[in-house]
């Protein structure tokens, strides 16, 4: 599984928990772009990931969308837990 696949899986998990519209709102992207990223019609590379990560959770270290199982608590990102996590690649 490559980074984009992991990001897509985590994005799908977020959408499943809080819905497409709420996810798009928090990521500050149009619903259609989120949907296109999920379907693989739009790239979900590092630049886009960094942008949506900053919008969703300012102050959390980058690359949290690359963690194979993003830390969600009732549909919310567990920011404190993520801050304590180091991603090593």
Protein backbone atom coordinates (compact mmCIF):
# COMPACT_ATOMS: atom_id res chain seq x y z
CA UNK A 1 0.00 0.00 0.00
CA UNK A 2 1.55 3.32 -1.03
CA UNK A 3 1.14 6.69 0.71
CA UNK A 4 -1.77 7.79 -1.49
CA UNK A 5 -3.60 4.52 -0.77
CA UNK A 6 -3.11 5.01 2.98
CA UNK A 7 -4.29 8.63 2.73
CA UNK A 8 -7.35 7.54 0.77
CA UNK A 9 -8.17 4.81 3.30
CA UNK A 10 -7.89 7.30 6.17
CA UNK A 11 -9.92 9.87 4.24
CA UNK A 12 -12.60 7.24 3.63
CA UNK A 13 -12.62 6.44 7.35
CA UNK A 14 -13.11 10.12 8.18
CA UNK A 15 -15.91 10.45 5.59
CA UNK A 16 -17.58 7.31 6.95
CA UNK A 17 -17.52 8.74 10.46
CA UNK A 18 -18.47 12.39 9.89
CA UNK A 19 -19.83 12.49 6.33
CA UNK A 20 -18.59 13.93 3.05
CA UNK A 21 -19.88 17.47 3.57
CA UNK A 22 -18.39 17.82 7.05
CA UNK A 23 -15.07 16.35 5.89
CA UNK A 24 -14.95 18.77 2.95
CA UNK A 25 -15.79 21.66 5.25
CA UNK A 26 -13.02 20.77 7.71
CA UNK A 27 -10.50 20.15 4.92
CA UNK A 28 -11.61 23.40 3.24
CA UNK A 29 -12.08 21.65 -0.08
CA UNK A 30 -15.16 21.19 -2.28
CA UNK A 31 -17.19 18.01 -1.72
CA UNK A 32 -16.46 16.99 -5.30
CA UNK A 33 -12.68 17.22 -4.79
CA UNK A 34 -12.87 15.04 -1.68
CA UNK A 35 -14.99 12.53 -3.58
CA UNK A 36 -12.57 12.60 -6.54
CA UNK A 37 -9.62 12.00 -4.20
CA UNK A 38 -11.45 9.02 -2.70
CA UNK A 39 -12.15 7.57 -6.14
CA UNK A 40 -8.58 8.14 -7.34
CA UNK A 41 -9.61 10.67 -9.97
CA UNK A 42 -7.62 13.40 -8.21
CA UNK A 43 -4.13 13.11 -6.82
CA UNK A 44 -3.73 12.86 -3.07
CA UNK A 45 -0.04 13.66 -3.03
CA UNK A 46 2.08 15.37 -0.43
CA UNK A 47 1.09 18.97 -1.25
CA UNK A 48 -2.65 18.29 -1.10
CA UNK A 49 -2.22 16.15 2.01
CA UNK A 50 -0.21 18.87 3.78
CA UNK A 51 -2.86 21.45 2.93
CA UNK A 52 -5.80 19.39 4.17
CA UNK A 53 -3.90 18.24 7.27
CA UNK A 54 -3.22 21.89 8.18
CA UNK A 55 -6.85 22.82 7.61
CA UNK A 56 -8.25 19.88 9.58
CA UNK A 57 -5.83 19.91 12.50
CA UNK A 58 -3.57 22.96 12.74
CA UNK A 59 -0.57 22.39 14.97
CA UNK A 60 -0.46 18.63 14.50
CA UNK A 61 2.74 17.37 12.86
CA UNK A 62 2.42 16.73 9.15
CA UNK A 63 1.93 13.32 7.62
CA UNK A 64 -0.71 12.13 10.07
CA UNK A 65 -2.79 11.01 7.08
CA UNK A 66 0.01 8.54 6.26
CA UNK A 67 -0.44 6.68 9.53
CA UNK A 68 -2.11 3.42 8.45
CA UNK A 69 -4.83 3.79 11.07
CA UNK A 70 -5.47 7.44 11.76
CA UNK A 71 -6.52 8.02 15.36
CA UNK A 72 -10.19 8.85 15.38
CA UNK A 73 -12.38 9.12 18.43
CA UNK A 74 -16.07 9.18 17.52
CA UNK A 75 -15.20 10.71 14.16
CA UNK A 76 -12.83 13.26 15.62
CA UNK A 77 -9.10 13.24 15.21
CA UNK A 78 -7.42 12.46 18.53
CA UNK A 79 -5.03 15.39 18.28
CA UNK A 80 -3.28 14.80 21.59
CA UNK A 81 -2.54 11.19 20.66
CA UNK A 82 -1.27 12.24 17.23
CA UNK A 83 1.05 14.83 18.75
CA UNK A 84 2.67 12.02 20.72
CA UNK A 85 3.10 9.81 17.64
CA UNK A 86 6.22 9.88 15.54
CA UNK A 87 5.88 8.71 11.96
CA UNK A 88 9.02 6.94 10.80
CA UNK A 89 9.52 6.05 7.12
